[in-house]
Each structure stands twice: as C-alpha cells, then as structure tokens.
Amino acid sequence: MNEIEITPHAVVWQAATDFASALAETVQFKAFEQADFHLRKDSDAQQALSAYQDKWRSLEALIRLNALSIEDKQELERLRQVYLTKQTVAAYVQAQADLVALCQIAGNTISQATGLNFATVCGSGCCG
C-alpha cells in the first residue's frame, strides 16, 4: 500500500494564498482588472448590453422553445454585435482570454508537479 503524505491545512492555505498573491501581480490579471473597470464605467457599452438583455428577456420563452422568428433572431444578433463591437468590450474579452490562458498554464504546471489533474480537482473556473 502506498503511503499518503498529509499536508497540514495551514501549509496548504498558505500555498494557496501565495499563489493567489502571485497571480494578482501578473500583467494578465492587472490588465483584466483594468479592462473590467473600464467596461463597468462605459455607459455606452452598458446601455448596449442592457438593450440586448432586455430584448433577450422579452423573447426568453420563445428562445427556450426554439420558436424565434427570423426577424427576432436577426434583431438579437444585431444587438449582440452592437455590444461586442464596443472597444471596452473587445478589450475586456481579450484581457479575459489572456488571463484564462495564464490560469490554464498555471493549472497544467500544478498538475505536473503534483500528479493530480488540477482542473478536474478544482472544478470549473478559469483553469478548467
């Protein structure tokens, strides 16, 4: 039978805290925070998002039934594109993708070092 090494809770907690602190200092994390801040402050982007969400909510029952008219589908897509083409939205999406990529690399590194599949053990999130 293999011996299992049990690491004290305090050691694991400190390692996780150190990892989170190091992640928070990365260029990718800082860029994501900045992009998130700018997106939340962009009233034009927020209005575009609200228009899309309002339209989606008004059509939600039809969407769930897969019964949208072509016109409603086109209008939803038009509103979605209006939102997605905002500069702050594009910057946010790119910053998010960059942070996810970094987290996946970190997760793979942790998996290789521990022999555990980090993404599976942690469930969904930026690394999974």
N, C-alpha and C. Protein backbone atom coordinates (compact mmCIF):
# COMPACT_ATOMS: atom_id res chain seq x y z
N MET A 1 0.84 -1.17 0.00
CA MET A 1 0.00 0.00 0.00
C MET A 1 0.89 1.24 0.00
N ASN A 2 0.54 2.23 -0.81
CA ASN A 2 1.30 3.47 -0.87
C ASN A 2 1.04 4.32 0.36
N GLU A 3 2.10 4.98 0.80
CA GLU A 3 1.93 5.91 1.91
C GLU A 3 1.40 7.22 1.36
N ILE A 4 0.47 7.81 2.06
CA ILE A 4 -0.10 9.09 1.66
C ILE A 4 0.45 10.15 2.60
N GLU A 5 1.01 11.16 2.00
CA GLU A 5 1.53 12.27 2.81
C GLU A 5 0.41 13.28 3.02
N ILE A 6 0.15 13.58 4.26
CA ILE A 6 -0.89 14.55 4.60
C ILE A 6 -0.20 15.87 4.93
N THR A 7 -0.57 16.88 4.16
CA THR A 7 -0.01 18.21 4.39
C THR A 7 -0.95 18.97 5.32
N PRO A 8 -0.39 19.62 6.32
CA PRO A 8 -1.24 20.37 7.25
C PRO A 8 -2.06 21.45 6.53
N HIS A 9 -3.26 21.66 7.01
CA HIS A 9 -4.18 22.64 6.42
C HIS A 9 -3.53 24.02 6.31
N ALA A 10 -2.80 24.43 7.32
CA ALA A 10 -2.17 25.76 7.32
C ALA A 10 -1.15 25.89 6.19
N VAL A 11 -0.44 24.82 5.88
CA VAL A 11 0.55 24.84 4.81
C VAL A 11 -0.15 24.96 3.46
N VAL A 12 -1.21 24.20 3.28
CA VAL A 12 -1.97 24.27 2.03
C VAL A 12 -2.58 25.66 1.87
N TRP A 13 -3.16 26.18 2.93
CA TRP A 13 -3.77 27.51 2.90
C TRP A 13 -2.74 28.57 2.54
N GLN A 14 -1.56 28.49 3.13
CA GLN A 14 -0.50 29.47 2.84
C GLN A 14 -0.04 29.36 1.39
N ALA A 15 0.08 28.15 0.88
CA ALA A 15 0.47 27.96 -0.52
C ALA A 15 -0.57 28.55 -1.46
N ALA A 16 -1.84 28.33 -1.15
CA ALA A 16 -2.91 28.89 -1.98
C ALA A 16 -2.92 30.41 -1.92
N THR A 17 -2.70 30.95 -0.74
CA THR A 17 -2.64 32.41 -0.57
C THR A 17 -1.47 33.00 -1.34
N ASP A 18 -0.33 32.35 -1.27
CA ASP A 18 0.85 32.82 -2.01
C ASP A 18 0.61 32.76 -3.51
N PHE A 19 -0.02 31.68 -3.96
CA PHE A 19 -0.33 31.53 -5.38
C PHE A 19 -1.27 32.65 -5.84
N ALA A 20 -2.32 32.90 -5.07
CA ALA A 20 -3.28 33.96 -5.42
C ALA A 20 -2.60 35.32 -5.44
N SER A 21 -1.72 35.57 -4.51
CA SER A 21 -0.99 36.84 -4.48
C SER A 21 -0.10 36.99 -5.71
N ALA A 22 0.58 35.91 -6.07
CA ALA A 22 1.44 35.94 -7.25
C ALA A 22 0.61 36.15 -8.52
N LEU A 23 -0.53 35.48 -8.60
CA LEU A 23 -1.41 35.64 -9.76
C LEU A 23 -1.91 37.08 -9.86
N ALA A 24 -2.26 37.68 -8.74
CA ALA A 24 -2.76 39.05 -8.72
C ALA A 24 -1.71 40.06 -9.17
N GLU A 25 -0.46 39.70 -9.14
CA GLU A 25 0.62 40.60 -9.56
C GLU A 25 0.99 40.44 -11.03
N THR A 26 0.38 39.51 -11.73
CA THR A 26 0.73 39.30 -13.13
C THR A 26 0.16 40.40 -14.01
N VAL A 27 0.81 40.59 -15.13
CA VAL A 27 0.36 41.57 -16.12
C VAL A 27 -1.06 41.21 -16.58
N GLN A 28 -1.31 39.93 -16.77
CA GLN A 28 -2.61 39.48 -17.28
C GLN A 28 -3.74 39.79 -16.30
N PHE A 29 -3.49 39.56 -15.02
CA PHE A 29 -4.52 39.83 -14.02
C PHE A 29 -4.78 41.32 -13.90
N LYS A 30 -3.72 42.09 -13.87
CA LYS A 30 -3.87 43.55 -13.77
C LYS A 30 -4.59 44.11 -15.00
N ALA A 31 -4.27 43.58 -16.17
CA ALA A 31 -4.95 44.03 -17.40
C ALA A 31 -6.44 43.67 -17.35
N PHE A 32 -6.75 42.49 -16.82
CA PHE A 32 -8.15 42.09 -16.70
C PHE A 32 -8.90 43.01 -15.73
N GLU A 33 -8.30 43.29 -14.60
CA GLU A 33 -8.94 44.20 -13.63
C GLU A 33 -9.19 45.57 -14.26
N GLN A 34 -8.21 46.06 -14.98
CA GLN A 34 -8.33 47.37 -15.64
C GLN A 34 -9.43 47.34 -16.70
N ALA A 35 -9.46 46.30 -17.50
CA ALA A 35 -10.49 46.17 -18.54
C ALA A 35 -11.88 46.07 -17.92
N ASP A 36 -11.99 45.33 -16.83
CA ASP A 36 -13.27 45.20 -16.13
C ASP A 36 -13.73 46.56 -15.61
N PHE A 37 -12.82 47.31 -15.02
CA PHE A 37 -13.14 48.64 -14.50
C PHE A 37 -13.65 49.55 -15.63
N HIS A 38 -12.92 49.57 -16.73
CA HIS A 38 -13.31 50.43 -17.86
C HIS A 38 -14.65 50.01 -18.46
N LEU A 39 -14.88 48.71 -18.55
CA LEU A 39 -16.14 48.22 -19.10
C LEU A 39 -17.32 48.64 -18.21
N ARG A 40 -17.15 48.49 -16.90
CA ARG A 40 -18.22 48.87 -15.98
C ARG A 40 -18.50 50.37 -16.03
N LYS A 41 -17.50 51.17 -16.35
CA LYS A 41 -17.65 52.63 -16.39
C LYS A 41 -18.11 53.14 -17.76
N ASP A 42 -18.14 52.27 -18.77
CA ASP A 42 -18.52 52.67 -20.12
C ASP A 42 -20.04 52.63 -20.26
N SER A 43 -20.67 53.80 -20.13
CA SER A 43 -22.14 53.85 -20.16
C SER A 43 -22.70 53.41 -21.51
N ASP A 44 -21.98 53.70 -22.59
CA ASP A 44 -22.43 53.28 -23.92
C ASP A 44 -22.47 51.76 -24.03
N ALA A 45 -21.43 51.11 -23.55
CA ALA A 45 -21.38 49.64 -23.57
C ALA A 45 -22.44 49.06 -22.63
N GLN A 46 -22.63 49.67 -21.48
CA GLN A 46 -23.63 49.18 -20.54
C GLN A 46 -25.05 49.32 -21.11
N GLN A 47 -25.29 50.41 -21.82
CA GLN A 47 -26.60 50.59 -22.47
C GLN A 47 -26.81 49.55 -23.57
N ALA A 48 -25.76 49.28 -24.32
CA ALA A 48 -25.86 48.27 -25.38
C ALA A 48 -26.13 46.89 -24.78
N LEU A 49 -25.47 46.58 -23.68
CA LEU A 49 -25.69 45.31 -23.00
C LEU A 49 -27.12 45.24 -22.47
N SER A 50 -27.57 46.31 -21.89
CA SER A 50 -28.93 46.35 -21.35
C SER A 50 -29.97 46.16 -22.44
N ALA A 51 -29.77 46.79 -23.59
CA ALA A 51 -30.70 46.64 -24.71
C ALA A 51 -30.76 45.18 -25.16
N TYR A 52 -29.61 44.54 -25.26
CA TYR A 52 -29.56 43.13 -25.65
C TYR A 52 -30.27 42.26 -24.61
N GLN A 53 -29.93 42.48 -23.33
CA GLN A 53 -30.53 41.68 -22.27
C GLN A 53 -32.04 41.87 -22.19
N ASP A 54 -32.50 43.11 -22.34
CA ASP A 54 -33.94 43.38 -22.31
C ASP A 54 -34.66 42.64 -23.44
N LYS A 55 -34.07 42.70 -24.63
CA LYS A 55 -34.67 42.01 -25.78
C LYS A 55 -34.67 40.51 -25.55
N TRP A 56 -33.56 39.99 -25.04
CA TRP A 56 -33.46 38.55 -24.78
C TRP A 56 -34.52 38.13 -23.77
N ARG A 57 -34.65 38.89 -22.68
CA ARG A 57 -35.65 38.56 -21.66
C ARG A 57 -37.07 38.59 -22.24
N SER A 58 -37.33 39.54 -23.11
CA SER A 58 -38.67 39.63 -23.69
C SER A 58 -38.98 38.44 -24.60
N LEU A 59 -37.94 37.80 -25.09
CA LEU A 59 -38.11 36.66 -26.00
C LEU A 59 -37.73 35.32 -25.37
N GLU A 60 -37.45 35.33 -24.09
CA GLU A 60 -36.90 34.14 -23.43
C GLU A 60 -37.76 32.89 -23.63
N ALA A 61 -39.06 33.02 -23.50
CA ALA A 61 -39.92 31.85 -23.67
C ALA A 61 -39.80 31.28 -25.09
N LEU A 62 -39.78 32.16 -26.07
CA LEU A 62 -39.64 31.70 -27.46
C LEU A 62 -38.26 31.11 -27.71
N ILE A 63 -37.25 31.68 -27.08
CA ILE A 63 -35.88 31.16 -27.23
C ILE A 63 -35.83 29.73 -26.68
N ARG A 64 -36.40 29.53 -25.50
CA ARG A 64 -36.38 28.19 -24.88
C ARG A 64 -37.16 27.17 -25.71
N LEU A 65 -38.17 27.64 -26.40
CA LEU A 65 -38.97 26.75 -27.25
C LEU A 65 -38.40 26.62 -28.66
N ASN A 66 -37.30 27.32 -28.90
CA ASN A 66 -36.69 27.35 -30.23
C ASN A 66 -37.72 27.80 -31.28
N ALA A 67 -38.46 28.86 -30.92
CA ALA A 67 -39.55 29.32 -31.78
C ALA A 67 -39.41 30.79 -32.17
N LEU A 68 -38.18 31.29 -32.18
CA LEU A 68 -37.97 32.69 -32.57
C LEU A 68 -38.19 32.88 -34.07
N SER A 69 -38.77 34.00 -34.40
CA SER A 69 -38.90 34.34 -35.82
C SER A 69 -37.52 34.74 -36.35
N ILE A 70 -37.38 34.72 -37.63
CA ILE A 70 -36.12 35.15 -38.26
C ILE A 70 -35.82 36.59 -37.88
N GLU A 71 -36.85 37.42 -37.88
CA GLU A 71 -36.67 38.84 -37.54
C GLU A 71 -36.17 39.00 -36.12
N ASP A 72 -36.74 38.24 -35.16
CA ASP A 72 -36.29 38.33 -33.77
C ASP A 72 -34.86 37.82 -33.62
N LYS A 73 -34.52 36.75 -34.33
CA LYS A 73 -33.14 36.25 -34.29
C LYS A 73 -32.17 37.30 -34.82
N GLN A 74 -32.55 37.93 -35.91
CA GLN A 74 -31.69 38.96 -36.51
C GLN A 74 -31.54 40.15 -35.58
N GLU A 75 -32.63 40.55 -34.93
CA GLU A 75 -32.56 41.68 -34.01
C GLU A 75 -31.71 41.36 -32.80
N LEU A 76 -31.84 40.17 -32.25
CA LEU A 76 -30.99 39.76 -31.14
C LEU A 76 -29.52 39.77 -31.55
N GLU A 77 -29.24 39.23 -32.72
CA GLU A 77 -27.86 39.20 -33.20
C GLU A 77 -27.33 40.60 -33.45
N ARG A 78 -28.16 41.48 -33.99
CA ARG A 78 -27.74 42.86 -34.22
C ARG A 78 -27.39 43.54 -32.89
N LEU A 79 -28.25 43.37 -31.89
CA LEU A 79 -28.00 43.97 -30.57
C LEU A 79 -26.74 43.38 -29.93
N ARG A 80 -26.53 42.08 -30.11
CA ARG A 80 -25.33 41.43 -29.58
C ARG A 80 -24.08 41.99 -30.23
N GLN A 81 -24.13 42.17 -31.54
CA GLN A 81 -22.99 42.71 -32.27
C GLN A 81 -22.70 44.16 -31.89
N VAL A 82 -23.75 44.93 -31.66
CA VAL A 82 -23.56 46.31 -31.20
C VAL A 82 -22.75 46.32 -29.91
N TYR A 83 -23.11 45.43 -29.00
CA TYR A 83 -22.38 45.34 -27.74
C TYR A 83 -20.95 44.85 -27.95
N LEU A 84 -20.79 43.78 -28.70
CA LEU A 84 -19.47 43.17 -28.87
C LEU A 84 -18.48 44.05 -29.62
N THR A 85 -18.97 44.99 -30.41
CA THR A 85 -18.07 45.86 -31.17
C THR A 85 -17.61 47.09 -30.39
N LYS A 86 -18.08 47.23 -29.17
CA LYS A 86 -17.59 48.34 -28.33
C LYS A 86 -16.13 48.07 -27.96
N GLN A 87 -15.33 49.12 -27.99
CA GLN A 87 -13.90 48.97 -27.73
C GLN A 87 -13.63 48.39 -26.34
N THR A 88 -14.38 48.85 -25.33
CA THR A 88 -14.14 48.35 -23.98
C THR A 88 -14.54 46.88 -23.85
N VAL A 89 -15.53 46.45 -24.60
CA VAL A 89 -15.94 45.05 -24.57
C VAL A 89 -14.85 44.19 -25.21
N ALA A 90 -14.35 44.63 -26.35
CA ALA A 90 -13.28 43.89 -27.03
C ALA A 90 -12.04 43.79 -26.13
N ALA A 91 -11.70 44.89 -25.45
CA ALA A 91 -10.55 44.88 -24.54
C ALA A 91 -10.78 43.92 -23.38
N TYR A 92 -11.99 43.91 -22.86
CA TYR A 92 -12.34 43.01 -21.76
C TYR A 92 -12.23 41.56 -22.20
N VAL A 93 -12.81 41.24 -23.35
CA VAL A 93 -12.78 39.86 -23.86
C VAL A 93 -11.34 39.40 -24.07
N GLN A 94 -10.49 40.28 -24.61
CA GLN A 94 -9.09 39.91 -24.83
C GLN A 94 -8.36 39.72 -23.50
N ALA A 95 -8.58 40.62 -22.56
CA ALA A 95 -7.93 40.50 -21.25
C ALA A 95 -8.38 39.24 -20.53
N GLN A 96 -9.66 38.92 -20.66
CA GLN A 96 -10.17 37.70 -20.05
C GLN A 96 -9.52 36.47 -20.68
N ALA A 97 -9.42 36.44 -22.00
CA ALA A 97 -8.79 35.31 -22.70
C ALA A 97 -7.33 35.16 -22.28
N ASP A 98 -6.63 36.28 -22.14
CA ASP A 98 -5.23 36.23 -21.73
C ASP A 98 -5.09 35.68 -20.30
N LEU A 99 -6.00 36.09 -19.41
CA LEU A 99 -5.96 35.61 -18.03
C LEU A 99 -6.31 34.12 -17.98
N VAL A 100 -7.29 33.70 -18.74
CA VAL A 100 -7.66 32.28 -18.78
C VAL A 100 -6.48 31.45 -19.28
N ALA A 101 -5.80 31.93 -20.30
CA ALA A 101 -4.64 31.20 -20.82
C ALA A 101 -3.56 31.06 -19.75
N LEU A 102 -3.30 32.14 -19.02
CA LEU A 102 -2.31 32.09 -17.94
C LEU A 102 -2.74 31.09 -16.86
N CYS A 103 -4.01 31.12 -16.49
CA CYS A 103 -4.51 30.20 -15.46
C CYS A 103 -4.43 28.75 -15.93
N GLN A 104 -4.67 28.52 -17.21
CA GLN A 104 -4.55 27.15 -17.73
C GLN A 104 -3.11 26.67 -17.68
N ILE A 105 -2.18 27.55 -18.00
CA ILE A 105 -0.76 27.20 -17.91
C ILE A 105 -0.39 26.90 -16.46
N ALA A 106 -0.86 27.74 -15.54
CA ALA A 106 -0.58 27.52 -14.12
C ALA A 106 -1.20 26.20 -13.66
N GLY A 107 -2.42 25.94 -14.08
CA GLY A 107 -3.08 24.69 -13.72
C GLY A 107 -2.33 23.47 -14.24
N ASN A 108 -1.85 23.56 -15.47
CA ASN A 108 -1.06 22.46 -16.04
C ASN A 108 0.24 22.26 -15.27
N THR A 109 0.87 23.37 -14.88
CA THR A 109 2.11 23.28 -14.11
C THR A 109 1.86 22.63 -12.75
N ILE A 110 0.77 23.03 -12.10
CA ILE A 110 0.42 22.43 -10.81
C ILE A 110 0.12 20.94 -10.99
N SER A 111 -0.59 20.61 -12.05
CA SER A 111 -0.93 19.20 -12.32
C SER A 111 0.33 18.36 -12.50
N GLN A 112 1.29 18.89 -13.25
CA GLN A 112 2.53 18.14 -13.48
C GLN A 112 3.33 18.00 -12.19
N ALA A 113 3.34 19.03 -11.37
CA ALA A 113 4.13 18.99 -10.13
C ALA A 113 3.50 18.08 -9.08
N THR A 114 2.17 18.00 -9.06
CA THR A 114 1.50 17.23 -8.02
C THR A 114 1.06 15.84 -8.46
N GLY A 115 0.97 15.65 -9.77
CA GLY A 115 0.46 14.38 -10.27
C GLY A 115 -1.06 14.30 -10.23
N LEU A 116 -1.71 15.40 -9.86
CA LEU A 116 -3.18 15.48 -9.85
C LEU A 116 -3.63 16.34 -11.01
N ASN A 117 -4.79 16.03 -11.56
CA ASN A 117 -5.35 16.89 -12.60
C ASN A 117 -5.99 18.08 -11.90
N PHE A 118 -5.29 19.20 -11.86
CA PHE A 118 -5.72 20.39 -11.13
C PHE A 118 -7.08 20.88 -11.59
N ALA A 119 -7.31 20.93 -12.90
CA ALA A 119 -8.58 21.43 -13.41
C ALA A 119 -9.74 20.55 -12.96
N THR A 120 -9.55 19.25 -12.95
CA THR A 120 -10.61 18.34 -12.53
C THR A 120 -10.86 18.44 -11.03
N VAL A 121 -9.78 18.53 -10.26
CA VAL A 121 -9.91 18.62 -8.81
C VAL A 121 -10.61 19.92 -8.39
N CYS A 122 -10.32 21.00 -9.10
CA CYS A 122 -10.88 22.30 -8.73
C CYS A 122 -12.24 22.56 -9.34
N GLY A 123 -12.64 21.82 -10.34
CA GLY A 123 -13.92 22.07 -10.98
C GLY A 123 -13.82 23.20 -11.96
N SER A 124 -14.96 23.81 -12.25
CA SER A 124 -14.99 24.87 -13.25
C SER A 124 -14.35 26.13 -12.70
N GLY A 125 -13.93 26.98 -13.60
CA GLY A 125 -13.27 28.22 -13.25
C GLY A 125 -12.32 28.59 -14.36
N CYS A 126 -11.46 29.51 -14.08
CA CYS A 126 -10.57 30.00 -15.14
C CYS A 126 -9.58 28.94 -15.61
N CYS A 127 -9.32 27.95 -14.77
CA CYS A 127 -8.30 26.96 -15.13
C CYS A 127 -8.91 25.67 -15.67
N GLY A 128 -10.22 25.59 -15.71
CA GLY A 128 -10.83 24.32 -16.07
C GLY A 128 -11.49 24.28 -17.39
